[in-house]
């Protein structure tokens, strides 16, 4: 059993938890993930490791409440336990040793995944620019945390209610056109956002890494549910990723596969809402 030692809501639908998991905390690296299961009847849910404390033996997860399992998890409190918490899984993020300037881009809850990347690179002495994009001011998360681990921090909102009005791609384009040189861009967030970031960076021949979020079940490469096509070859996000060269990812296929169970997910949400009435 794994104990919840800290819990706080970052906004109405996004929750942060520190889980007591010393063996995972000891080995975790930025870019890796865990799979949790609340109880014996629970589904397996993958979440990227948002942070870790090796001395305290804790692993931080940040998740959006979008379905039955994440809603159930959000209802647990400090001192409660969950049955399974497996990891670290996946390949840690790798940035070229010669890189000196990196732009880390996060979109929405994807910022939770972008944060450990930015933190690690900044602590290594790199020049780190962070661009965090949100729909509006109400859902902004991790602002103070990003400011502490970046040389330059930009917030964009779709409606202009906070930071710079527009999309992360607009901010990125303006930085590049102003003469800012990036050795690499790391983009993490909704699939369309990552695709459009890659469209921008490809024009300037800037290496771009994306963290993919396909449907995942077992997390060990056995089920094949998380397969993606990269450079014309089948890869599995759980064991080959989740990081891939964004210029080689088949985003159209990824988008279609991620919507496979959209109707079932909708029906499940409606059923759960009806039960809560």
Foldseek 3Di string as FASTA:
>chain_A
DKFWADKDAQFPFKIKTKIQAQVQLQDDAQFFWKWFAQDPPGATDIFGFLDHDNVRRITMTMDGPQADRSVVVNPDDGGDDGDDIDDRFFDHDDDDPPWAEEEEEEEQSQVSSSLRVLQVCQVVPHAYEYEYEYQADRRDGCPVSNVVRHPHYFYEHCVCNDGHHDGSLVVVLVCVVVPDDGQEYEYEYDLVNLLSNCVRVVVVVHFYKYQDDFDDGPLPPPPLRQWWAFQNDTDHCSYHHSIDGSNGTPSVVRVVRRCPCVVVRVVNVVVVVVVVD
